[in-house]
Amino acid sequence: ALDLGYESPSAFSAMFRRTLGVPPSFYVGTDPAHGA
């Protein structure tokens, strides 16, 4: 969030969830199931 210029992690997370439908934590070094 900070590297990309967002004022806060919450602002970044809101944009991310609005676009992808899941929070950014969903993608942190994980192997998410397709169903999600």
PDB file of all heavy atoms in Angstrom:
ATOM      1  N   ALA A   1       0.831  -1.212   0.000  1.00  0.00           N
ATOM      2  CA  ALA A   1       0.000   0.000   0.000  1.00  0.00           C
ATOM      3  C   ALA A   1       0.859   1.254   0.000  1.00  0.00           C
ATOM      4  O   ALA A   1       0.626   2.190  -0.778  1.00  0.00           O
ATOM      5  CB  ALA A   1      -0.934  -0.011   1.213  1.00  0.00           C
ATOM      6  N   LEU A   2       1.870   1.283   0.854  1.00  0.00           N
ATOM      7  CA  LEU A   2       2.720   2.470   0.943  1.00  0.00           C
ATOM      8  C   LEU A   2       3.592   2.628  -0.302  1.00  0.00           C
ATOM      9  O   LEU A   2       3.795   3.740  -0.792  1.00  0.00           O
ATOM     10  CB  LEU A   2       3.587   2.394   2.199  1.00  0.00           C
ATOM     11  CG  LEU A   2       2.820   2.415   3.528  1.00  0.00           C
ATOM     12  CD1 LEU A   2       3.785   2.328   4.699  1.00  0.00           C
ATOM     13  CD2 LEU A   2       1.941   3.653   3.642  1.00  0.00           C
ATOM     14  N   ASP A   3       4.108   1.524  -0.827  1.00  0.00           N
ATOM     15  CA  ASP A   3       4.952   1.584  -2.030  1.00  0.00           C
ATOM     16  C   ASP A   3       4.187   2.127  -3.225  1.00  0.00           C
ATOM     17  O   ASP A   3       4.770   2.758  -4.121  1.00  0.00           O
ATOM     18  CB  ASP A   3       5.508   0.197  -2.364  1.00  0.00           C
ATOM     19  CG  ASP A   3       6.625  -0.234  -1.428  1.00  0.00           C
ATOM     20  OD1 ASP A   3       7.149   0.630  -0.697  1.00  0.00           O
ATOM     21  OD2 ASP A   3       6.960  -1.434  -1.415  1.00  0.00           O
ATOM     22  N   LEU A   4       2.883   1.887  -3.244  1.00  0.00           N
ATOM     23  CA  LEU A   4       2.071   2.305  -4.389  1.00  0.00           C
ATOM     24  C   LEU A   4       1.377   3.642  -4.164  1.00  0.00           C
ATOM     25  O   LEU A   4       0.541   4.052  -4.974  1.00  0.00           O
ATOM     26  CB  LEU A   4       1.048   1.218  -4.731  1.00  0.00           C
ATOM     27  CG  LEU A   4       1.645  -0.090  -5.250  1.00  0.00           C
ATOM     28  CD1 LEU A   4       0.549  -1.109  -5.516  1.00  0.00           C
ATOM     29  CD2 LEU A   4       2.467   0.144  -6.517  1.00  0.00           C
ATOM     30  N   GLY A   5       1.714   4.308  -3.069  1.00  0.00           N
ATOM     31  CA  GLY A   5       1.239   5.667  -2.885  1.00  0.00           C
ATOM     32  C   GLY A   5      -0.100   5.826  -2.198  1.00  0.00           C
ATOM     33  O   GLY A   5      -0.658   6.929  -2.193  1.00  0.00           O
ATOM     34  N   TYR A   6      -0.631   4.762  -1.621  1.00  0.00           N
ATOM     35  CA  TYR A   6      -1.896   4.885  -0.902  1.00  0.00           C
ATOM     36  C   TYR A   6      -1.639   5.467   0.482  1.00  0.00           C
ATOM     37  O   TYR A   6      -0.628   5.179   1.124  1.00  0.00           O
ATOM     38  CB  TYR A   6      -2.583   3.521  -0.801  1.00  0.00           C
ATOM     39  CG  TYR A   6      -3.198   3.096  -2.110  1.00  0.00           C
ATOM     40  CD1 TYR A   6      -2.439   2.392  -3.044  1.00  0.00           C
ATOM     41  CD2 TYR A   6      -4.501   3.425  -2.438  1.00  0.00           C
ATOM     42  CE1 TYR A   6      -2.981   2.018  -4.270  1.00  0.00           C
ATOM     43  CE2 TYR A   6      -5.057   3.046  -3.658  1.00  0.00           C
ATOM     44  CZ  TYR A   6      -4.291   2.349  -4.564  1.00  0.00           C
ATOM     45  OH  TYR A   6      -4.827   1.999  -5.778  1.00  0.00           O
ATOM     46  N   GLU A   7      -2.582   6.291   0.954  1.00  0.00           N
ATOM     47  CA  GLU A   7      -2.406   6.959   2.229  1.00  0.00           C
ATOM     48  C   GLU A   7      -2.481   5.997   3.407  1.00  0.00           C
ATOM     49  O   GLU A   7      -1.909   6.260   4.465  1.00  0.00           O
ATOM     50  CB  GLU A   7      -3.457   8.062   2.394  1.00  0.00           C
ATOM     51  CG  GLU A   7      -3.308   9.205   1.384  1.00  0.00           C
ATOM     52  CD  GLU A   7      -4.348  10.287   1.605  1.00  0.00           C
ATOM     53  OE1 GLU A   7      -5.210  10.093   2.497  1.00  0.00           O
ATOM     54  OE2 GLU A   7      -4.294  11.303   0.900  1.00  0.00           O
ATOM     55  N   SER A   8      -3.178   4.888   3.220  1.00  0.00           N
ATOM     56  CA  SER A   8      -3.329   3.921   4.303  1.00  0.00           C
ATOM     57  C   SER A   8      -3.603   2.544   3.722  1.00  0.00           C
ATOM     58  O   SER A   8      -4.102   2.425   2.593  1.00  0.00           O
ATOM     59  CB  SER A   8      -4.469   4.322   5.237  1.00  0.00           C
ATOM     60  OG  SER A   8      -5.716   4.208   4.550  1.00  0.00           O
ATOM     61  N   PRO A   9      -3.304   1.486   4.472  1.00  0.00           N
ATOM     62  CA  PRO A   9      -3.638   0.140   4.013  1.00  0.00           C
ATOM     63  C   PRO A   9      -5.138  -0.043   3.792  1.00  0.00           C
ATOM     64  O   PRO A   9      -5.547  -0.793   2.901  1.00  0.00           O
ATOM     65  CB  PRO A   9      -3.132  -0.761   5.149  1.00  0.00           C
ATOM     66  CG  PRO A   9      -2.089   0.042   5.833  1.00  0.00           C
ATOM     67  CD  PRO A   9      -2.550   1.465   5.728  1.00  0.00           C
ATOM     68  N   SER A  10      -5.965   0.664   4.586  1.00  0.00           N
ATOM     69  CA  SER A  10      -7.411   0.512   4.432  1.00  0.00           C
ATOM     70  C   SER A  10      -7.894   1.072   3.101  1.00  0.00           C
ATOM     71  O   SER A  10      -8.785   0.508   2.456  1.00  0.00           O
ATOM     72  CB  SER A  10      -8.139   1.195   5.593  1.00  0.00           C
ATOM     73  OG  SER A  10      -7.841   2.577   5.649  1.00  0.00           O
ATOM     74  N   ALA A  11      -7.308   2.197   2.662  1.00  0.00           N
ATOM     75  CA  ALA A  11      -7.677   2.762   1.363  1.00  0.00           C
ATOM     76  C   ALA A  11      -7.278   1.819   0.239  1.00  0.00           C
ATOM     77  O   ALA A  11      -8.031   1.610  -0.724  1.00  0.00           O
ATOM     78  CB  ALA A  11      -7.011   4.117   1.177  1.00  0.00           C
ATOM     79  N   PHE A  12      -6.085   1.237   0.347  1.00  0.00           N
ATOM     80  CA  PHE A  12      -5.622   0.273  -0.647  1.00  0.00           C
ATOM     81  C   PHE A  12      -6.520  -0.960  -0.648  1.00  0.00           C
ATOM     82  O   PHE A  12      -6.937  -1.449  -1.701  1.00  0.00           O
ATOM     83  CB  PHE A  12      -4.172  -0.105  -0.347  1.00  0.00           C
ATOM     84  CG  PHE A  12      -3.682  -1.303  -1.105  1.00  0.00           C
ATOM     85  CD1 PHE A  12      -3.533  -1.267  -2.482  1.00  0.00           C
ATOM     86  CD2 PHE A  12      -3.370  -2.483  -0.437  1.00  0.00           C
ATOM     87  CE1 PHE A  12      -3.083  -2.374  -3.188  1.00  0.00           C
ATOM     88  CE2 PHE A  12      -2.914  -3.588  -1.124  1.00  0.00           C
ATOM     89  CZ  PHE A  12      -2.768  -3.539  -2.498  1.00  0.00           C
ATOM     90  N   SER A  13      -6.842  -1.470   0.540  1.00  0.00           N
ATOM     91  CA  SER A  13      -7.665  -2.676   0.644  1.00  0.00           C
ATOM     92  C   SER A  13      -9.055  -2.454   0.074  1.00  0.00           C
ATOM     93  O   SER A  13      -9.631  -3.347  -0.562  1.00  0.00           O
ATOM     94  CB  SER A  13      -7.762  -3.123   2.100  1.00  0.00           C
ATOM     95  OG  SER A  13      -6.492  -3.504   2.608  1.00  0.00           O
ATOM     96  N   ALA A  14      -9.594  -1.248   0.281  1.00  0.00           N
ATOM     97  CA  ALA A  14     -10.923  -0.946  -0.255  1.00  0.00           C
ATOM     98  C   ALA A  14     -10.913  -0.983  -1.774  1.00  0.00           C
ATOM     99  O   ALA A  14     -11.820  -1.544  -2.403  1.00  0.00           O
ATOM    100  CB  ALA A  14     -11.384   0.414   0.247  1.00  0.00           C
ATOM    101  N   MET A  15      -9.878  -0.361  -2.397  1.00  0.00           N
ATOM    102  CA  MET A  15      -9.754  -0.397  -3.854  1.00  0.00           C
ATOM    103  C   MET A  15      -9.605  -1.836  -4.334  1.00  0.00           C
ATOM    104  O   MET A  15     -10.252  -2.264  -5.302  1.00  0.00           O
ATOM    105  CB  MET A  15      -8.542   0.432  -4.292  1.00  0.00           C
ATOM    106  CG  MET A  15      -8.265   0.437  -5.793  1.00  0.00           C
ATOM    107  SD  MET A  15      -7.427  -1.050  -6.471  1.00  0.00           S
ATOM    108  CE  MET A  15      -5.860  -1.007  -5.569  1.00  0.00           C
ATOM    109  N   PHE A  16      -8.777  -2.602  -3.657  1.00  0.00           N
ATOM    110  CA  PHE A  16      -8.489  -3.976  -4.066  1.00  0.00           C
ATOM    111  C   PHE A  16      -9.750  -4.838  -3.995  1.00  0.00           C
ATOM    112  O   PHE A  16     -10.085  -5.555  -4.941  1.00  0.00           O
ATOM    113  CB  PHE A  16      -7.398  -4.541  -3.148  1.00  0.00           C
ATOM    114  CG  PHE A  16      -6.707  -5.754  -3.680  1.00  0.00           C
ATOM    115  CD1 PHE A  16      -5.482  -5.646  -4.318  1.00  0.00           C
ATOM    116  CD2 PHE A  16      -7.278  -7.015  -3.534  1.00  0.00           C
ATOM    117  CE1 PHE A  16      -4.839  -6.774  -4.803  1.00  0.00           C
ATOM    118  CE2 PHE A  16      -6.640  -8.141  -4.016  1.00  0.00           C
ATOM    119  CZ  PHE A  16      -5.408  -8.020  -4.648  1.00  0.00           C
ATOM    120  N   ARG A  17     -10.453  -4.737  -2.865  1.00  0.00           N
ATOM    121  CA  ARG A  17     -11.666  -5.535  -2.695  1.00  0.00           C
ATOM    122  C   ARG A  17     -12.749  -5.118  -3.692  1.00  0.00           C
ATOM    123  O   ARG A  17     -13.471  -5.957  -4.229  1.00  0.00           O
ATOM    124  CB  ARG A  17     -12.187  -5.403  -1.267  1.00  0.00           C
ATOM    125  CG  ARG A  17     -13.402  -6.280  -0.976  1.00  0.00           C
ATOM    126  CD  ARG A  17     -13.963  -5.975   0.403  1.00  0.00           C
ATOM    127  NE  ARG A  17     -13.113  -6.477   1.460  1.00  0.00           N
ATOM    128  CZ  ARG A  17     -13.176  -7.721   1.955  1.00  0.00           C
ATOM    129  NH1 ARG A  17     -14.053  -8.580   1.438  1.00  0.00           N
ATOM    130  NH2 ARG A  17     -12.389  -8.099   2.927  1.00  0.00           N
ATOM    131  N   ARG A  18     -12.855  -3.807  -3.945  1.00  0.00           N
ATOM    132  CA  ARG A  18     -13.852  -3.313  -4.891  1.00  0.00           C
ATOM    133  C   ARG A  18     -13.609  -3.868  -6.296  1.00  0.00           C
ATOM    134  O   ARG A  18     -14.547  -4.142  -7.039  1.00  0.00           O
ATOM    135  CB  ARG A  18     -13.822  -1.789  -4.910  1.00  0.00           C
ATOM    136  CG  ARG A  18     -14.908  -1.155  -5.756  1.00  0.00           C
ATOM    137  CD  ARG A  18     -14.963   0.352  -5.545  1.00  0.00           C
ATOM    138  NE  ARG A  18     -13.710   1.023  -5.911  1.00  0.00           N
ATOM    139  CZ  ARG A  18     -12.859   1.553  -5.038  1.00  0.00           C
ATOM    140  NH1 ARG A  18     -13.103   1.501  -3.743  1.00  0.00           N
ATOM    141  NH2 ARG A  18     -11.750   2.151  -5.450  1.00  0.00           N
ATOM    142  N   THR A  19     -12.342  -4.058  -6.645  1.00  0.00           N
ATOM    143  CA  THR A  19     -11.997  -4.489  -7.997  1.00  0.00           C
ATOM    144  C   THR A  19     -11.972  -6.005  -8.135  1.00  0.00           C
ATOM    145  O   THR A  19     -12.489  -6.552  -9.111  1.00  0.00           O
ATOM    146  CB  THR A  19     -10.617  -3.929  -8.401  1.00  0.00           C
ATOM    147  OG1 THR A  19     -10.607  -2.522  -8.201  1.00  0.00           O
ATOM    148  CG2 THR A  19     -10.318  -4.237  -9.854  1.00  0.00           C
ATOM    149  N   LEU A  20     -11.379  -6.693  -7.152  1.00  0.00           N
ATOM    150  CA  LEU A  20     -11.194  -8.135  -7.261  1.00  0.00           C
ATOM    151  C   LEU A  20     -12.157  -8.950  -6.417  1.00  0.00           C
ATOM    152  O   LEU A  20     -12.211 -10.164  -6.534  1.00  0.00           O
ATOM    153  CB  LEU A  20      -9.752  -8.514  -6.895  1.00  0.00           C
ATOM    154  CG  LEU A  20      -8.687  -8.143  -7.920  1.00  0.00           C
ATOM    155  CD1 LEU A  20      -7.304  -8.500  -7.407  1.00  0.00           C
ATOM    156  CD2 LEU A  20      -8.935  -8.832  -9.253  1.00  0.00           C
ATOM    157  N   GLY A  21     -12.893  -8.291  -5.536  1.00  0.00           N
ATOM    158  CA  GLY A  21     -13.883  -9.008  -4.757  1.00  0.00           C
ATOM    159  C   GLY A  21     -13.343  -9.714  -3.527  1.00  0.00           C
ATOM    160  O   GLY A  21     -14.102 -10.361  -2.798  1.00  0.00           O
ATOM    161  N   VAL A  22     -12.045  -9.619  -3.279  1.00  0.00           N
ATOM    162  CA  VAL A  22     -11.414 -10.232  -2.112  1.00  0.00           C
ATOM    163  C   VAL A  22     -10.397  -9.247  -1.545  1.00  0.00           C
ATOM    164  O   VAL A  22      -9.910  -8.363  -2.271  1.00  0.00           O
ATOM    165  CB  VAL A  22     -10.700 -11.559  -2.459  1.00  0.00           C
ATOM    166  CG1 VAL A  22     -11.702 -12.625  -2.862  1.00  0.00           C
ATOM    167  CG2 VAL A  22      -9.668 -11.352  -3.567  1.00  0.00           C
ATOM    168  N   PRO A  23     -10.035  -9.350  -0.272  1.00  0.00           N
ATOM    169  CA  PRO A  23      -9.025  -8.450   0.288  1.00  0.00           C
ATOM    170  C   PRO A  23      -7.639  -8.806  -0.224  1.00  0.00           C
ATOM    171  O   PRO A  23      -7.391  -9.948  -0.639  1.00  0.00           O
ATOM    172  CB  PRO A  23      -9.129  -8.699   1.798  1.00  0.00           C
ATOM    173  CG  PRO A  23      -9.645 -10.096   1.905  1.00  0.00           C
ATOM    174  CD  PRO A  23     -10.576 -10.278   0.748  1.00  0.00           C
ATOM    175  N   PRO A  24      -6.691  -7.857  -0.201  1.00  0.00           N
ATOM    176  CA  PRO A  24      -5.334  -8.150  -0.686  1.00  0.00           C
ATOM    177  C   PRO A  24      -4.644  -9.250   0.099  1.00  0.00           C
ATOM    178  O   PRO A  24      -3.787  -9.964  -0.448  1.00  0.00           O
ATOM    179  CB  PRO A  24      -4.606  -6.813  -0.549  1.00  0.00           C
ATOM    180  CG  PRO A  24      -5.442  -5.992   0.374  1.00  0.00           C
ATOM    181  CD  PRO A  24      -6.847  -6.449   0.188  1.00  0.00           C
ATOM    182  N   SER A  25      -4.987  -9.427   1.375  1.00  0.00           N
ATOM    183  CA  SER A  25      -4.365 -10.485   2.175  1.00  0.00           C
ATOM    184  C   SER A  25      -4.611 -11.865   1.578  1.00  0.00           C
ATOM    185  O   SER A  25      -3.853 -12.810   1.823  1.00  0.00           O
ATOM    186  CB  SER A  25      -4.898 -10.439   3.610  1.00  0.00           C
ATOM    187  OG  SER A  25      -6.316 -10.563   3.622  1.00  0.00           O
ATOM    188  N   PHE A  26      -5.659 -11.973   0.761  1.00  0.00           N
ATOM    189  CA  PHE A  26      -5.985 -13.240   0.094  1.00  0.00           C
ATOM    190  C   PHE A  26      -4.853 -13.712  -0.806  1.00  0.00           C
ATOM    191  O   PHE A  26      -4.690 -14.898  -1.058  1.00  0.00           O
ATOM    192  CB  PHE A  26      -7.260 -13.028  -0.723  1.00  0.00           C
ATOM    193  CG  PHE A  26      -7.827 -14.272  -1.364  1.00  0.00           C
ATOM    194  CD1 PHE A  26      -8.541 -15.188  -0.626  1.00  0.00           C
ATOM    195  CD2 PHE A  26      -7.659 -14.499  -2.724  1.00  0.00           C
ATOM    196  CE1 PHE A  26      -9.083 -16.324  -1.221  1.00  0.00           C
ATOM    197  CE2 PHE A  26      -8.191 -15.627  -3.326  1.00  0.00           C
ATOM    198  CZ  PHE A  26      -8.908 -16.538  -2.565  1.00  0.00           C
ATOM    199  N   TYR A  27      -4.061 -12.761  -1.313  1.00  0.00           N
ATOM    200  CA  TYR A  27      -3.031 -13.091  -2.293  1.00  0.00           C
ATOM    201  C   TYR A  27      -1.613 -13.075  -1.733  1.00  0.00           C
ATOM    202  O   TYR A  27      -0.653 -13.256  -2.477  1.00  0.00           O
ATOM    203  CB  TYR A  27      -3.095 -12.116  -3.467  1.00  0.00           C
ATOM    204  CG  TYR A  27      -4.270 -12.371  -4.392  1.00  0.00           C
ATOM    205  CD1 TYR A  27      -5.318 -11.463  -4.474  1.00  0.00           C
ATOM    206  CD2 TYR A  27      -4.330 -13.519  -5.162  1.00  0.00           C
ATOM    207  CE1 TYR A  27      -6.391 -11.696  -5.311  1.00  0.00           C
ATOM    208  CE2 TYR A  27      -5.401 -13.757  -6.002  1.00  0.00           C
ATOM    209  CZ  TYR A  27      -6.424 -12.851  -6.074  1.00  0.00           C
ATOM    210  OH  TYR A  27      -7.503 -13.095  -6.906  1.00  0.00           O
ATOM    211  N   VAL A  28      -1.438 -12.847  -0.435  1.00  0.00           N
ATOM    212  CA  VAL A  28      -0.081 -12.747   0.116  1.00  0.00           C
ATOM    213  C   VAL A  28       0.546 -14.119   0.189  1.00  0.00           C
ATOM    214  O   VAL A  28       0.293 -14.890   1.117  1.00  0.00           O
ATOM    215  CB  VAL A  28      -0.084 -12.097   1.512  1.00  0.00           C
ATOM    216  CG1 VAL A  28       1.336 -12.031   2.064  1.00  0.00           C
ATOM    217  CG2 VAL A  28      -0.659 -10.692   1.440  1.00  0.00           C
ATOM    218  N   GLY A  29       1.359 -14.451  -0.807  1.00  0.00           N
ATOM    219  CA  GLY A  29       2.124 -15.682  -0.819  1.00  0.00           C
ATOM    220  C   GLY A  29       1.295 -16.928  -0.635  1.00  0.00           C
ATOM    221  O   GLY A  29       1.763 -17.902  -0.069  1.00  0.00           O
ATOM    222  N   THR A  30       0.031 -16.908  -1.105  1.00  0.00           N
ATOM    223  CA  THR A  30      -0.853 -18.035  -0.881  1.00  0.00           C
ATOM    224  C   THR A  30      -1.172 -18.758  -2.168  1.00  0.00           C
ATOM    225  O   THR A  30      -0.846 -18.315  -3.266  1.00  0.00           O
ATOM    226  CB  THR A  30      -2.179 -17.581  -0.242  1.00  0.00           C
ATOM    227  OG1 THR A  30      -2.849 -16.686  -1.133  1.00  0.00           O
ATOM    228  CG2 THR A  30      -1.933 -16.881   1.075  1.00  0.00           C
ATOM    229  N   ASP A  31      -1.837 -19.898  -2.018  1.00  0.00           N
ATOM    230  CA  ASP A  31      -2.314 -20.695  -3.142  1.00  0.00           C
ATOM    231  C   ASP A  31      -3.821 -20.813  -2.997  1.00  0.00           C
ATOM    232  O   ASP A  31      -4.339 -21.833  -2.579  1.00  0.00           O
ATOM    233  CB  ASP A  31      -1.649 -22.077  -3.106  1.00  0.00           C
ATOM    234  CG  ASP A  31      -2.064 -22.966  -4.273  1.00  0.00           C
ATOM    235  OD1 ASP A  31      -2.778 -22.471  -5.162  1.00  0.00           O
ATOM    236  OD2 ASP A  31      -1.679 -24.138  -4.277  1.00  0.00           O
ATOM    237  N   PRO A  32      -4.580 -19.729  -3.279  1.00  0.00           N
ATOM    238  CA  PRO A  32      -6.007 -19.733  -3.010  1.00  0.00           C
ATOM    239  C   PRO A  32      -6.765 -20.749  -3.842  1.00  0.00           C
ATOM    240  O   PRO A  32      -6.413 -21.032  -4.975  1.00  0.00           O
ATOM    241  CB  PRO A  32      -6.431 -18.302  -3.360  1.00  0.00           C
ATOM    242  CG  PRO A  32      -5.415 -17.826  -4.318  1.00  0.00           C
ATOM    243  CD  PRO A  32      -4.133 -18.488  -3.932  1.00  0.00           C
ATOM    244  N   ALA A  33      -7.808 -21.286  -3.260  1.00  0.00           N
ATOM    245  CA  ALA A  33      -8.673 -22.224  -3.988  1.00  0.00           C
ATOM    246  C   ALA A  33      -9.454 -21.477  -5.042  1.00  0.00           C
ATOM    247  O   ALA A  33      -9.839 -20.335  -4.864  1.00  0.00           O
ATOM    248  CB  ALA A  33      -9.626 -22.912  -3.006  1.00  0.00           C
ATOM    249  N   HIS A  34      -9.705 -22.146  -6.151  1.00  0.00           N
ATOM    250  CA  HIS A  34     -10.416 -21.489  -7.253  1.00  0.00           C
ATOM    251  C   HIS A  34     -11.799 -21.010  -6.827  1.00  0.00           C
ATOM    252  O   HIS A  34     -12.283 -19.981  -7.270  1.00  0.00           O
ATOM    253  CB  HIS A  34     -10.548 -22.441  -8.434  1.00  0.00           C
ATOM    254  CG  HIS A  34     -11.294 -21.839  -9.583  1.00  0.00           C
ATOM    255  ND1 HIS A  34     -10.758 -20.896 -10.409  1.00  0.00           N
ATOM    256  CD2 HIS A  34     -12.569 -22.019 -10.013  1.00  0.00           C
ATOM    257  CE1 HIS A  34     -11.638 -20.537 -11.321  1.00  0.00           C
ATOM    258  NE2 HIS A  34     -12.748 -21.211 -11.097  1.00  0.00           N
ATOM    259  N   GLY A  35     -12.414 -21.757  -5.935  1.00  0.00           N
ATOM    260  CA  GLY A  35     -13.771 -21.415  -5.554  1.00  0.00           C
ATOM    261  C   GLY A  35     -13.899 -20.072  -4.891  1.00  0.00           C
ATOM    262  O   GLY A  35     -14.987 -19.498  -4.830  1.00  0.00           O
ATOM    263  N   ALA A  36     -12.792 -19.507  -4.390  1.00  0.00           N
ATOM    264  CA  ALA A  36     -12.856 -18.214  -3.716  1.00  0.00           C
ATOM    265  C   ALA A  36     -12.663 -17.051  -4.668  1.00  0.00           C
ATOM    266  O   ALA A  36     -12.762 -15.912  -4.278  1.00  0.00           O
ATOM    267  CB  ALA A  36     -11.810 -18.150  -2.606  1.00  0.00           C
TER     268      ALA A  36
END
